[in-house]
Structure formats: C-alpha cells, structure tokens
Protein backbone atom coordinates (compact mmCIF):
# COMPACT_ATOMS: atom_id res chain seq x y z
CA MET A 1 18.26 -12.75 28.41
CA SER A 2 18.91 -13.88 24.83
CA SER A 3 16.46 -12.96 22.10
CA HIS A 4 15.30 -16.57 21.65
CA GLU A 5 15.54 -17.47 25.35
CA THR A 6 16.00 -21.26 24.92
CA THR A 7 17.81 -23.79 22.82
CA SER A 8 16.51 -25.19 19.54
CA THR A 9 15.48 -28.43 21.26
CA ASP A 10 12.32 -26.82 22.65
CA ARG A 11 10.52 -25.38 19.63
CA HIS A 12 7.52 -24.00 21.49
CA ALA A 13 9.68 -22.18 24.06
CA GLU A 14 11.80 -20.95 21.17
CA ALA A 15 8.86 -18.85 20.08
CA VAL A 16 9.24 -16.61 23.15
CA VAL A 17 11.15 -13.45 22.27
CA ARG A 18 11.95 -10.44 24.42
CA ILE A 19 11.44 -7.03 22.80
CA THR A 20 11.76 -3.52 24.23
CA THR A 21 8.29 -3.55 25.81
CA GLY A 22 8.34 -7.11 27.20
CA ALA A 23 8.28 -10.76 26.21
CA VAL A 24 5.97 -12.14 23.48
CA ARG A 25 5.05 -15.76 22.86
CA GLY A 26 4.39 -16.88 19.29
CA VAL A 27 3.99 -20.23 17.56
CA ALA A 28 6.82 -22.32 16.13
CA GLY A 29 5.50 -23.87 12.94
CA GLU A 30 7.05 -26.48 10.67
CA ARG A 31 8.89 -23.95 8.50
CA ALA A 32 8.57 -20.62 10.26
CA SER A 33 7.83 -19.18 13.66
CA THR A 34 5.13 -16.54 13.85
CA TRP A 35 4.17 -13.82 16.30
CA LYS A 36 0.77 -12.29 15.66
CA GLY A 37 -1.04 -9.40 17.24
CA ILE A 38 1.96 -7.63 18.80
CA ARG A 39 0.86 -4.24 20.05
CA TYR A 40 3.08 -1.44 18.72
CA ALA A 41 0.93 1.50 19.84
CA GLN A 42 -1.41 2.38 22.65
CA PRO A 43 -5.12 2.13 21.75
CA PRO A 44 -6.04 5.11 19.51
CA THR A 45 -9.35 5.50 21.30
CA GLY A 46 -11.10 8.08 23.46
CA ALA A 47 -8.93 11.18 23.72
CA ARG A 48 -6.40 9.55 21.33
CA ARG A 49 -8.93 9.20 18.50
CA TRP A 50 -7.73 11.34 15.55
CA ARG A 51 -4.42 11.95 17.32
CA ALA A 52 -0.90 10.81 16.44
CA PRO A 53 -0.18 7.29 17.73
CA VAL A 54 1.73 6.76 20.96
CA ALA A 55 4.17 3.86 21.36
CA ALA A 56 2.97 0.85 23.34
CA GLU A 57 3.71 0.78 27.05
CA PRO A 58 5.84 -2.00 28.59
CA TRP A 59 4.11 -4.99 30.14
CA ASP A 60 4.96 -7.59 32.74
CA GLY A 61 5.09 -11.29 32.04
CA VAL A 62 4.78 -12.85 28.59
CA ALA A 63 2.22 -11.39 26.18
CA ASP A 64 0.34 -13.82 23.96
CA ALA A 65 1.17 -13.37 20.27
CA THR A 66 -0.57 -16.38 18.76
CA ALA A 67 -3.57 -14.70 17.09
CA PHE A 68 -4.05 -11.62 14.94
CA GLY A 69 -5.08 -8.42 16.64
CA ALA A 70 -8.29 -6.66 15.67
CA ALA A 71 -8.65 -5.23 12.19
CA ALA A 72 -9.42 -1.55 11.79
CA PRO A 73 -13.13 -0.66 11.72
CA GLN A 74 -14.53 -0.92 8.19
CA GLN A 75 -17.48 -2.06 6.16
CA VAL A 76 -16.91 -5.78 5.59
CA VAL A 77 -17.06 -6.64 1.89
CA PRO A 78 -16.93 -10.13 0.30
CA ALA A 79 -14.07 -9.18 -2.05
CA ILE A 80 -11.65 -8.64 0.86
CA SER A 81 -11.37 -11.58 3.24
CA LEU A 82 -10.10 -10.51 6.65
CA GLY A 83 -9.73 -14.12 7.78
CA PRO A 84 -12.08 -16.36 9.75
CA ASP A 85 -14.26 -14.58 12.33
CA PRO A 86 -12.42 -11.26 12.10
CA GLU A 87 -12.67 -8.86 15.01
CA LEU A 88 -13.07 -5.18 14.12
CA ASP A 89 -12.06 -2.65 16.74
CA GLU A 90 -10.78 0.90 16.93
CA ASP A 91 -7.94 -0.55 19.04
CA CYS A 92 -6.22 -2.02 15.98
CA LEU A 93 -2.56 -0.99 15.97
CA PHE A 94 -0.91 -4.40 15.94
CA LEU A 95 1.71 -6.08 13.79
CA ASN A 96 2.82 -9.63 12.97
CA VAL A 97 6.23 -11.25 12.42
CA TRP A 98 7.29 -14.37 10.47
CA ARG A 99 10.80 -15.80 10.90
CA PRO A 100 12.28 -18.85 9.16
CA ASN A 101 13.21 -21.63 11.57
CA ASP A 102 16.88 -21.95 10.60
CA GLY A 103 17.99 -19.91 13.61
CA SER A 104 20.35 -17.60 11.75
CA ALA A 105 20.35 -13.86 12.38
CA SER A 106 20.80 -10.67 10.35
CA LYS A 107 18.17 -11.60 7.79
CA PRO A 108 16.72 -8.95 5.47
CA VAL A 109 13.43 -7.54 6.73
CA MET A 110 10.33 -6.93 4.61
CA VAL A 111 7.57 -4.75 6.09
CA TRP A 112 4.20 -5.07 4.33
CA ILE A 113 1.62 -2.28 4.14
CA HIS A 114 -1.72 -3.68 2.97
CA GLY A 115 -3.94 -2.00 0.40
CA GLY A 116 -7.68 -1.47 0.22
CA ALA A 117 -8.37 2.01 -1.19
CA TYR A 118 -7.27 3.51 2.17
CA THR A 119 -10.61 2.22 3.51
CA TYR A 120 -10.50 -1.59 3.64
CA GLY A 121 -8.15 -4.43 4.50
CA SER A 122 -5.95 -5.69 7.30
CA SER A 123 -2.70 -7.52 7.97
CA SER A 124 -4.84 -10.55 8.89
CA GLN A 125 -5.94 -11.17 5.29
CA PRO A 126 -5.17 -14.84 4.42
CA LEU A 127 -3.52 -13.62 1.23
CA PHE A 128 -0.73 -12.14 3.35
CA ASP A 129 0.29 -15.34 5.12
CA ALA A 130 4.05 -14.86 4.95
CA VAL A 131 5.29 -18.43 5.53
CA GLU A 132 6.23 -18.94 1.88
CA LEU A 133 7.71 -15.49 1.41
CA ALA A 134 9.77 -15.70 4.59
CA THR A 135 11.08 -19.22 4.14
CA THR A 136 11.69 -19.14 0.39
CA GLY A 137 13.31 -15.73 0.61
CA ASP A 138 15.07 -16.34 3.94
CA ALA A 139 13.69 -13.06 5.27
CA VAL A 140 11.89 -11.78 8.34
CA VAL A 141 8.49 -10.52 7.22
CA VAL A 142 6.45 -8.01 9.22
CA THR A 143 2.85 -7.11 8.32
CA ILE A 144 1.20 -4.13 9.98
CA ASN A 145 -2.22 -2.71 10.72
CA TYR A 146 -2.85 1.00 10.48
CA ARG A 147 -5.96 3.14 10.84
CA ILE A 148 -8.04 3.32 7.67
CA GLY A 149 -11.02 5.26 6.32
CA ALA A 150 -12.10 8.30 8.30
CA LEU A 151 -10.22 7.20 11.42
CA GLY A 152 -6.93 7.05 9.52
CA PHE A 153 -7.16 9.55 6.67
CA LEU A 154 -9.75 12.19 7.55
CA ASP A 155 -7.94 15.48 8.11
CA LEU A 156 -9.75 17.32 10.89
CA SER A 157 -6.85 19.59 11.79
CA SER A 158 -8.78 22.69 10.69
CA PHE A 159 -11.29 21.96 13.48
CA SER A 160 -8.66 21.89 16.22
CA THR A 161 -9.08 24.06 19.30
CA ALA A 162 -6.82 24.73 22.25
CA GLU A 163 -8.57 21.95 24.16
CA GLN A 164 -9.27 19.50 21.31
CA VAL A 165 -6.41 18.89 18.87
CA PHE A 166 -6.72 16.81 15.70
CA ASP A 167 -3.57 15.58 13.98
CA SER A 168 -3.18 15.07 10.23
CA ASN A 169 -2.01 11.98 8.33
CA LEU A 170 -2.83 9.55 11.12
CA ALA A 171 -2.35 6.38 9.05
CA LEU A 172 1.03 7.58 7.82
CA ARG A 173 2.01 8.32 11.41
CA ASP A 174 0.91 4.80 12.35
CA VAL A 175 3.19 3.38 9.64
CA LEU A 176 6.10 5.52 10.81
CA LEU A 177 5.62 4.30 14.38
CA ALA A 178 5.46 0.68 13.18
CA LEU A 179 8.72 1.19 11.26
CA THR A 180 10.27 2.64 14.40
CA TRP A 181 9.16 -0.51 16.24
CA VAL A 182 10.85 -2.60 13.53
CA ARG A 183 14.07 -0.62 13.85
CA ASP A 184 14.12 -1.13 17.60
CA ASN A 185 12.89 -4.73 17.84
CA VAL A 186 13.39 -6.75 14.67
CA ALA A 187 16.87 -7.93 15.65
CA ALA A 188 15.22 -9.97 18.42
CA PHE A 189 13.53 -12.00 15.66
CA GLY A 190 16.72 -12.48 13.64
CA GLY A 191 16.17 -9.50 11.34
CA ASP A 192 18.73 -6.92 10.30
CA PRO A 193 17.47 -3.41 11.19
CA ALA A 194 19.93 -2.00 8.64
CA ARG A 195 18.23 -3.92 5.78
CA VAL A 196 14.54 -3.04 5.95
CA THR A 197 12.46 -3.02 2.77
CA VAL A 198 9.02 -1.46 2.98
CA PHE A 199 6.56 -2.82 0.40
CA GLY A 200 2.89 -2.40 -0.35
CA GLU A 201 0.21 -2.58 -3.03
CA SER A 202 -2.55 -0.16 -4.06
CA ALA A 203 -3.19 2.07 -1.02
CA GLY A 204 -0.21 0.33 0.60
CA GLY A 205 1.85 1.25 -2.45
CA GLY A 206 0.57 4.81 -2.10
CA LEU A 207 1.83 4.89 1.46
CA VAL A 208 5.19 3.56 0.27
CA THR A 209 5.61 6.35 -2.31
CA THR A 210 4.45 8.85 0.32
CA LEU A 211 7.10 7.55 2.73
CA LEU A 212 9.73 8.19 0.07
CA ALA A 213 8.71 11.87 0.13
CA THR A 214 8.42 12.12 3.94
CA PRO A 215 11.61 13.59 5.44
CA SER A 216 11.00 12.09 8.91
CA ALA A 217 10.99 8.58 7.39
CA ALA A 218 14.71 8.84 6.61
CA GLY A 219 16.65 5.93 8.10
CA LEU A 220 13.58 3.83 8.92
CA PHE A 221 13.84 1.78 5.72
CA HIS A 222 16.56 1.08 3.19
CA ALA A 223 14.66 -0.04 0.09
CA ALA A 224 11.08 0.24 -1.17
CA ILE A 225 8.68 -1.71 -3.39
CA ALA A 226 5.54 0.02 -4.65
CA GLU A 227 3.00 -2.15 -6.46
CA SER A 228 0.24 -0.25 -8.28
CA SER A 229 0.68 2.93 -6.27
CA PRO A 230 -1.96 5.65 -6.79
CA ALA A 231 0.88 8.08 -6.21
CA SER A 232 -0.85 11.12 -7.67
CA SER A 233 -4.06 10.59 -5.66
CA MET A 234 -3.15 12.92 -2.81
CA TYR A 235 -4.43 16.38 -2.12
CA GLY A 236 -3.80 19.51 -0.14
CA PRO A 237 -5.59 21.13 2.81
CA GLU A 238 -8.40 22.67 0.74
CA ARG A 239 -9.64 19.36 -0.63
CA ALA A 240 -9.02 17.70 2.73
CA ARG A 241 -11.28 20.27 4.40
CA ALA A 242 -13.97 19.70 1.75
CA VAL A 243 -13.93 15.96 2.53
CA ALA A 244 -14.08 16.70 6.26
CA ASP A 245 -17.13 18.91 5.69
CA ARG A 246 -18.82 16.10 3.75
CA PHE A 247 -18.05 13.69 6.55
CA LEU A 248 -19.50 15.98 9.22
CA ALA A 249 -22.69 16.33 7.20
CA ALA A 250 -22.95 12.55 6.70
CA ALA A 251 -22.33 11.94 10.40
CA GLY A 252 -24.83 14.59 11.48
CA VAL A 253 -22.24 16.70 13.30
CA GLU A 254 -22.38 20.50 13.29
CA ALA A 255 -19.10 22.20 12.44
CA ASP A 256 -19.30 24.40 15.53
CA ASP A 257 -19.58 21.29 17.70
CA ALA A 258 -17.03 19.19 15.82
CA ALA A 259 -14.17 19.51 18.29
CA THR A 260 -16.06 17.74 21.06
CA ALA A 261 -18.69 15.72 19.18
CA LEU A 262 -16.29 13.82 16.93
CA ARG A 263 -14.63 11.97 19.79
CA ARG A 264 -18.00 10.88 21.14
CA LEU A 265 -19.27 9.42 17.88
CA PRO A 266 -19.91 5.65 17.94
CA VAL A 267 -17.51 3.78 15.68
CA ASP A 268 -20.35 2.29 13.64
CA ARG A 269 -21.58 5.77 12.83
CA ILE A 270 -18.09 6.84 11.77
CA VAL A 271 -17.79 3.84 9.42
CA ALA A 272 -21.26 4.46 7.95
CA ALA A 273 -20.57 8.14 7.31
CA ALA A 274 -17.14 7.35 5.88
CA THR A 275 -18.65 4.78 3.51
CA GLU A 276 -21.12 7.37 2.25
CA VAL A 277 -18.35 9.89 1.65
CA TYR A 278 -16.08 7.22 0.11
CA ASN A 279 -18.72 6.58 -2.57
CA ASP A 280 -19.80 10.17 -3.05
CA VAL A 281 -16.48 11.96 -3.57
CA PRO A 282 -15.17 10.08 -6.66
CA SER A 283 -18.65 10.16 -8.19
CA SER A 284 -18.93 13.93 -7.89
CA VAL A 285 -15.26 14.74 -8.49
CA PRO A 286 -13.97 12.04 -10.91
CA GLY A 287 -10.39 10.98 -10.36
CA THR A 288 -10.26 11.85 -6.66
CA LEU A 289 -10.53 9.75 -3.51
CA ALA A 290 -12.25 10.66 -0.28
CA PHE A 291 -9.50 9.23 1.89
CA ALA A 292 -5.77 9.40 1.17
CA PRO A 293 -2.65 10.92 2.71
CA VAL A 294 -2.71 14.72 2.79
CA VAL A 295 -0.07 17.22 1.72
CA ASP A 296 -0.26 18.99 5.06
CA GLY A 297 2.90 21.09 4.77
CA ASP A 298 4.22 19.46 7.92
CA LEU A 299 4.69 15.69 7.93
CA VAL A 300 4.24 15.68 4.14
CA PRO A 301 5.66 19.03 3.04
CA GLU A 302 5.05 18.63 -0.71
CA HIS A 303 3.07 16.44 -3.07
CA PRO A 304 4.97 13.13 -3.28
CA ILE A 305 4.49 12.83 -7.05
CA ALA A 306 6.25 16.19 -7.47
CA VAL A 307 9.05 15.32 -5.05
CA LEU A 308 9.72 11.90 -6.58
CA SER A 309 9.46 12.96 -10.23
CA ASP A 310 11.97 15.71 -9.47
CA GLY A 311 14.42 13.19 -8.01
CA ARG A 312 14.16 14.56 -4.48
CA GLY A 313 12.88 11.47 -2.68
CA LEU A 314 14.74 9.54 0.00
CA PRO A 315 17.68 7.98 -1.90
CA VAL A 316 16.95 4.29 -1.37
CA PRO A 317 16.62 1.60 -4.07
CA LEU A 318 13.08 1.46 -5.48
CA LEU A 319 11.20 -1.30 -7.29
CA ILE A 320 7.97 0.08 -8.77
CA GLY A 321 5.39 -1.04 -11.30
CA THR A 322 1.79 -1.58 -12.25
CA ASN A 323 -0.45 -4.19 -13.84
CA ARG A 324 -1.37 -4.00 -17.50
CA ASP A 325 -5.14 -3.91 -16.96
CA GLU A 326 -5.48 -2.13 -13.60
CA ALA A 327 -8.90 -0.58 -14.21
CA THR A 328 -10.77 -3.74 -15.20
CA LEU A 329 -11.12 -4.74 -11.54
CA PHE A 330 -12.91 -1.50 -10.71
CA LYS A 331 -15.32 -1.98 -13.61
CA TYR A 332 -15.94 -5.60 -12.61
CA MET A 333 -16.68 -4.55 -9.02
CA LYS A 334 -18.76 -1.56 -10.15
CA SER A 335 -16.49 0.64 -8.06
CA PRO A 336 -16.79 4.45 -8.38
CA LEU A 337 -13.08 4.96 -7.66
CA ILE A 338 -11.82 4.95 -11.24
CA PRO A 339 -13.43 7.11 -13.97
CA ILE A 340 -13.91 4.93 -17.04
CA THR A 341 -16.73 6.62 -18.96
CA ARG A 342 -15.98 9.31 -21.51
CA ASP A 343 -17.87 11.97 -19.55
CA ALA A 344 -16.11 11.11 -16.28
CA ILE A 345 -12.66 11.12 -17.88
CA GLU A 346 -13.22 14.45 -19.61
CA ARG A 347 -14.53 15.93 -16.37
CA MET A 348 -11.40 14.64 -14.60
CA PHE A 349 -9.15 16.33 -17.18
CA THR A 350 -11.02 19.60 -16.78
CA LEU A 351 -10.59 19.50 -13.01
CA MET A 352 -6.89 18.63 -13.30
CA LEU A 353 -6.30 21.60 -15.58
CA GLU A 354 -8.10 23.83 -13.09
CA ASP A 355 -5.71 22.55 -10.41
CA ASN A 356 -2.64 23.02 -12.65
CA PRO A 357 -3.31 26.35 -14.41
CA GLY A 358 0.34 27.07 -15.10
CA LEU A 359 1.02 23.80 -16.87
CA VAL A 360 0.67 23.02 -20.54
CA ALA A 361 -1.04 19.65 -20.28
CA PRO A 362 -1.36 17.21 -23.17
CA GLY A 363 -4.28 17.92 -25.45
CA ARG A 364 -7.26 15.60 -25.72
CA ASP A 365 -6.43 14.56 -29.29
CA GLN A 366 -2.78 13.96 -28.38
CA VAL A 367 -3.78 11.60 -25.57
CA LEU A 368 -6.43 9.77 -27.57
CA ALA A 369 -3.92 9.13 -30.36
CA ALA A 370 -2.15 6.64 -28.08
CA TYR A 371 -5.37 4.59 -27.91
CA ALA A 372 -6.30 4.69 -31.58
CA GLY A 373 -6.02 0.91 -31.89
CA VAL A 374 -8.06 0.19 -28.78
CA ARG A 375 -11.74 -0.78 -28.96
CA ALA A 376 -13.97 2.13 -28.00
CA LYS A 377 -15.45 0.22 -25.04
CA ALA A 378 -11.99 -0.52 -23.66
CA ARG A 379 -10.52 2.92 -24.29
CA GLY A 380 -11.82 4.37 -21.02
CA LEU A 381 -10.36 1.47 -19.06
CA ASP A 382 -6.94 1.95 -20.62
CA ILE A 383 -6.94 5.71 -20.08
CA ALA A 384 -8.01 5.21 -16.45
CA THR A 385 -5.23 2.64 -15.93
CA ASP A 386 -2.63 5.00 -17.34
CA ILE A 387 -3.58 8.23 -15.62
CA GLY A 388 -4.35 6.52 -12.31
CA PHE A 389 -1.40 4.13 -12.12
CA ARG A 390 0.95 3.72 -15.08
CA MET A 391 2.01 7.28 -15.80
CA PRO A 392 2.63 8.13 -12.12
CA ALA A 393 4.87 5.02 -11.93
CA VAL A 394 6.77 6.11 -15.05
CA TRP A 395 7.16 9.68 -13.79
CA ILE A 396 8.44 8.42 -10.45
CA ALA A 397 10.84 5.90 -12.02
CA ALA A 398 12.41 8.58 -14.22
CA GLY A 399 12.88 10.96 -11.32
CA HIS A 400 13.98 8.51 -8.65
CA ALA A 401 16.49 6.87 -11.00
CA ARG A 402 18.52 10.07 -10.66
CA VAL A 403 19.11 9.49 -6.94
CA ALA A 404 18.99 5.70 -6.40
CA PRO A 405 18.81 2.42 -8.34
CA THR A 406 15.25 2.07 -9.65
CA TYR A 407 13.55 -0.90 -11.29
CA LEU A 408 10.33 -0.57 -13.29
CA TYR A 409 7.99 -3.43 -14.18
CA ARG A 410 4.64 -4.14 -15.78
CA PHE A 411 2.74 -7.25 -14.71
CA ASP A 412 1.03 -8.82 -17.76
CA PHE A 413 0.38 -12.38 -16.64
CA THR A 414 -3.18 -13.67 -16.76
CA THR A 415 -5.02 -16.92 -17.31
CA LEU A 416 -7.69 -17.98 -19.79
CA ALA A 417 -10.39 -17.81 -17.11
CA LEU A 418 -9.50 -14.22 -16.21
CA ARG A 419 -9.34 -13.23 -19.88
CA LEU A 420 -12.79 -14.64 -20.58
CA ILE A 421 -14.44 -12.65 -17.79
CA GLY A 422 -12.61 -9.49 -18.85
CA ILE A 423 -10.34 -9.16 -15.79
CA ARG A 424 -6.98 -10.05 -17.36
CA ALA A 425 -3.97 -8.59 -15.46
CA ALA A 426 -6.15 -6.44 -13.23
CA HIS A 427 -5.39 -4.43 -10.13
CA GLY A 428 -4.14 -6.76 -7.40
CA THR A 429 -3.82 -9.90 -9.54
CA GLU A 430 -0.07 -10.05 -8.90
CA LEU A 431 -0.51 -10.46 -5.14
CA PRO A 432 -0.99 -14.26 -4.88
CA TYR A 433 2.17 -14.74 -6.93
CA VAL A 434 4.25 -12.31 -4.85
CA TRP A 435 3.16 -14.03 -1.62
CA GLY A 436 3.26 -17.60 -2.97
CA VAL A 437 -0.34 -18.06 -1.83
CA LEU A 438 -2.06 -19.52 -4.89
CA GLY A 439 -5.58 -20.79 -4.39
CA GLY A 440 -6.48 -24.46 -4.11
CA PRO A 441 -8.08 -26.69 -6.75
CA LYS A 442 -11.26 -24.59 -6.76
CA ASP A 443 -9.47 -21.30 -7.42
CA PRO A 444 -11.39 -19.83 -10.40
CA THR A 445 -8.19 -18.20 -11.64
CA PHE A 446 -6.97 -21.59 -12.87
CA LYS A 447 -10.34 -23.12 -13.73
CA LEU A 448 -9.38 -23.30 -17.41
CA GLY A 449 -5.66 -23.96 -16.93
CA GLY A 450 -2.53 -21.96 -16.28
CA ARG A 451 -1.59 -23.27 -12.83
CA ARG A 452 1.80 -24.63 -13.85
CA ALA A 453 2.76 -21.32 -15.47
CA GLY A 454 1.41 -19.49 -12.44
CA GLU A 455 3.45 -21.54 -10.00
CA ALA A 456 6.60 -20.92 -12.03
CA LEU A 457 5.83 -17.22 -12.16
CA SER A 458 5.27 -17.12 -8.40
CA GLY A 459 8.66 -18.70 -7.83
CA ARG A 460 10.31 -16.02 -9.95
CA LEU A 461 8.49 -13.17 -8.22
CA LEU A 462 9.33 -14.51 -4.76
CA GLU A 463 12.97 -14.67 -5.75
CA ARG A 464 12.98 -11.20 -7.35
CA TRP A 465 11.25 -9.43 -4.47
CA THR A 466 13.36 -11.09 -1.77
CA ALA A 467 16.60 -10.68 -3.75
CA PHE A 468 15.81 -6.97 -3.90
CA ALA A 469 15.31 -6.97 -0.13
CA ARG A 470 18.65 -8.75 0.37
CA THR A 471 20.80 -6.83 -2.09
CA GLY A 472 18.85 -3.98 -3.65
CA VAL A 473 18.95 -5.78 -7.02
CA PRO A 474 15.97 -7.93 -8.17
CA GLY A 475 17.99 -10.22 -10.43
CA ASP A 476 20.91 -10.06 -12.83
CA ASP A 477 18.53 -10.12 -15.80
CA TRP A 478 16.66 -6.98 -14.74
CA PRO A 479 18.63 -3.80 -15.51
CA ALA A 480 18.03 -0.62 -13.56
CA TYR A 481 15.83 2.02 -15.14
CA SER A 482 17.46 5.11 -16.61
CA VAL A 483 16.27 7.86 -18.93
CA ASP A 484 18.78 6.61 -21.50
CA ASP A 485 17.18 3.23 -22.22
CA ARG A 486 14.19 3.09 -19.81
CA ALA A 487 14.57 -0.69 -19.39
CA THR A 488 11.34 -2.22 -18.10
CA LEU A 489 10.65 -5.81 -17.04
CA VAL A 490 7.46 -7.26 -18.49
CA ILE A 491 6.35 -10.02 -16.09
CA ASP A 492 4.51 -12.78 -17.94
CA LYS A 493 4.80 -16.50 -18.67
CA GLN A 494 8.30 -15.62 -19.75
CA ASP A 495 9.74 -12.43 -18.29
CA ARG A 496 11.40 -10.10 -20.75
CA VAL A 497 13.15 -6.74 -20.62
CA VAL A 498 11.78 -4.14 -23.02
CA PRO A 499 13.54 -0.82 -23.63
CA ASP A 500 11.19 2.16 -23.30
CA LEU A 501 8.07 0.03 -23.04
CA ASP A 502 6.03 3.14 -22.29
CA GLY A 503 7.39 5.27 -25.12
CA PRO A 504 4.02 5.69 -26.88
CA LEU A 505 2.33 6.62 -23.61
CA ARG A 506 5.01 9.16 -22.76
CA ALA A 507 4.66 10.68 -26.20
CA ALA A 508 0.92 11.02 -25.67
CA TRP A 509 0.86 12.16 -22.06
CA GLY A 510 4.10 14.14 -22.14
CA ASP A 511 6.39 14.78 -19.22
CA VAL A 512 3.92 17.02 -17.40
CA VAL A 513 3.13 15.48 -14.02
CA LEU A 514 -0.64 15.77 -13.63
CA SER A 515 -2.27 15.66 -10.22
CA PHE A 516 -4.97 17.26 -8.15
CA ARG A 517 -3.95 19.80 -5.56
C-alpha cells in the first residue's frame, strides 16, 4: 500500500497514511494536512510509571489522528495555553505531524520539543500550530509530547530494588523514542529521514543541547536549533537524590516504602508535590532547578555544557542563541527560577564555586565591571540573563564550532508596548515570530504599533530556520561562528551581523565554564 493510499482527487482520503504500527487518519486542510495525537509509546502508567518508554504496539484498522492527545499532567497556569479544553493524563506520549499539500516527498523534517521549565507545556499549545512553518518552509513538522515535572525528570534510580526498578532521564528517553519513530515513519508523510532537525526553546532547548551530548542520539537527527537553552542547568546524582528526597517528603512517602508506594500515588498528588518542590528548590538553592535532565553516567555520561564547550558533541550543524532580556519574563511572572536579587546572585556564585573547587572563576568585581553602565535595578536581571542563558550559549558556540558549522544569534526585537511594561526581548518572545503565529488585533504586543515590522521579522525567521533545516545554512548573510571573528547575528527590525558581540561579557566572565554539579 502506498504511503498516501489514494490519489490527490480525494483530499480527505489522502490524509490516511500507513506507518509501521498501522494506518492513521488525519485532516487535509487548505494548505497542509495534519495528523494529531499519534501514539509513539505505550502508556507510561502503572508498572511503566518512572520507567523507560516502550514503543507503541501495532493496531488493526485505521487509528483516528484528528485531535491532539492528552497533555502531560501539570498544574495549569494562565501563562501557558494548552489549547481549548485540554485533557491532562499520564498517558501522554503522542506526537503530531504537519505536511504541506503539494504532494512532493523528501522534505526536510523539523521536530519540535516544547519548553516550560521542564514542568509545563505541551505540543498542543496553539502557539505551535505548524501550518505556517510547514507550508512557508516546505517542511514536514513534527511536535512531540514528553513526560514533564516529577513524572519526566525526577531521578528515583537510587530507590530501585530487584523488584521495583526506576529509570533515569525519562523525558530524554521519551524524546529519543519519538526521534526513533520519526526515523522509521516520517517518509510516509513525505519527510526525509536523512534530514531531521531537532529544535526547541527553553526547557526544549535544554533537551536539544542535552541530545547533542548524548551518544545514543547519534544518527537520529542531522541538525539542531537551541533557543534560550538553560544548558548549564543540569546536575549529577547527588543533587538529583536531594530533589528526590524533597519530593518524597512533599508527597508523604517514606523512603523505605518508596519502591512500592511511588507507583500507587495518585497523579494529582504527584503534581501537587512536584509543584511544591519546583518552587522550593530554586528559592533555597539559587540558580538551580528542581527538574532537569540528570548527568547519570549512563544515558548522559557527562555534563552537556562540558562536552559541548570542549567540542565533543555530536558533529551536526547547530543554530543557537538567546534573547537580549531573558530574565525580565521571570521577574514579570514573579517566578523563583531565576535569581535576580543581589543576595540570591551572590549566593549562587558561592554555591557554584563550592561545586567547582578546582576552577579559578571570575571575581565579583571583574563580573560587575561588565555591568557598570547598567542601572542598579536592572543589573541583577542582566547578570541572571547572562549566567543562565547567554554565557552557556557562547561557551557552546565556541566549542561546537570546532566540530560542525555553528551559528550564534541574539534576539533583540521588541515593541513599544513590551518596552513600556519592562518585558522587552524577554524569554520566549521570539516564538510567535519563529512559528508565524502572531496574535490577532487584540494582541497586546502590538497595541502601540510594531505589527508591520513584526510580520517582516517573522518572515525572515521562518526562512532562516527552515533554510537551516534544508541545507544546514540559515542564510547567505549569516556567517558561521568561529573563534577568529565570533560572528553573531543580531535579530531586530533590521538583522545585522556583529563580530564578537559578546566580547565584553567574555572578558568579564572569562572562559571558565561555570555550572552546578
């Protein structure tokens, strides 16, 4: 049976595709056909909770793929829309495919990993509607769910027994299984399995940079885009065990009973305990996250920031960057994730030095010299942006450029409305432009103007990101990064290439890669 099963005269039947596990029926839209809620793994429930995912079993007949699958269990927050009437369920390992309707094959493939501080979000977010990205870029776009929060990132491996085994890095294993599904099935949707670009933002960007340092990911993707990756926010087994102990206490589970009790916990109780730990950890240990991938010595043998800054990552083209004002979003949302007060930042530095006793880290005065012209109230925000996002991106770009073409950017575009409320080019503000999903007339971003410039910018970003997926080069006017000239694209009303844009920051922070262990 052919991958599309019928001729182009019957558009609805054309949306039936046969993959390795069975047939799936999607929806043929005006510009693109979509398949939503395709199961790529068996339900990670019951005995499979906190275990590595298992590939979906074959089915008979034609599976419906016209609606998103359930989002991972999480606390629903107004800032992250999961779509109308979202369903939350532990059985959440689904993915979605968009294909332009031109009928041609061997298109580049872009696989999206959503963000959300490793605790929130889903592939069903309206922001990630891929019609524009797929059709404008002539690409097959895949968006995936993975387990989040405690169900995806809590490392309980130290509580394993002979009868009850807990695996590490569950969310990363989910992503690897989804990429395996793409390798084996995307050709049925007109995609080229030899041209797969994995891309993500925030926590999704962190998973992208982690994949680059994961040996078993080799061959599953051929290019990578990391937007605002918290690449240094990963920790080893000791910190992972400390988070697990906090979680057990919050969930009311005794350590001696953990092996059996954890799989009986109601999901609501898991989410509630995880939310408590999510808020508590960065407040008590500034600069750290409760939930993130773990350097487990197995799936992730070494800290990704060390691997990538040394030029030892998987040698695929990389596009990486951050936004100019990352930390303002966290202040605006009153989030504990980013330390922005003087006391919190100095405590973070102290803890980092304790974790890196053999390193000669930059001195306090040396770092502050880079922010001498910044208002005192904004200084903490800038320092938090740089240590949390910008410097890790610069360290990675310098290292990865030694093994593969690497392109570094900084997103500076904002509008008058966002400037007036103090957001500016904050964390995540590039996303609507990358996806071509700008808000309607009531979008507060453009309340005081800037829509025309924003639409033009979105067109450029769509072209750059999809050109990179097609060819590994995001435009003739964007030179690859190298330690000789450190060319960086500043994305604004008018894009411009700046040599060594981060020179003053590098002088202040030095070349010492700082991270928690």
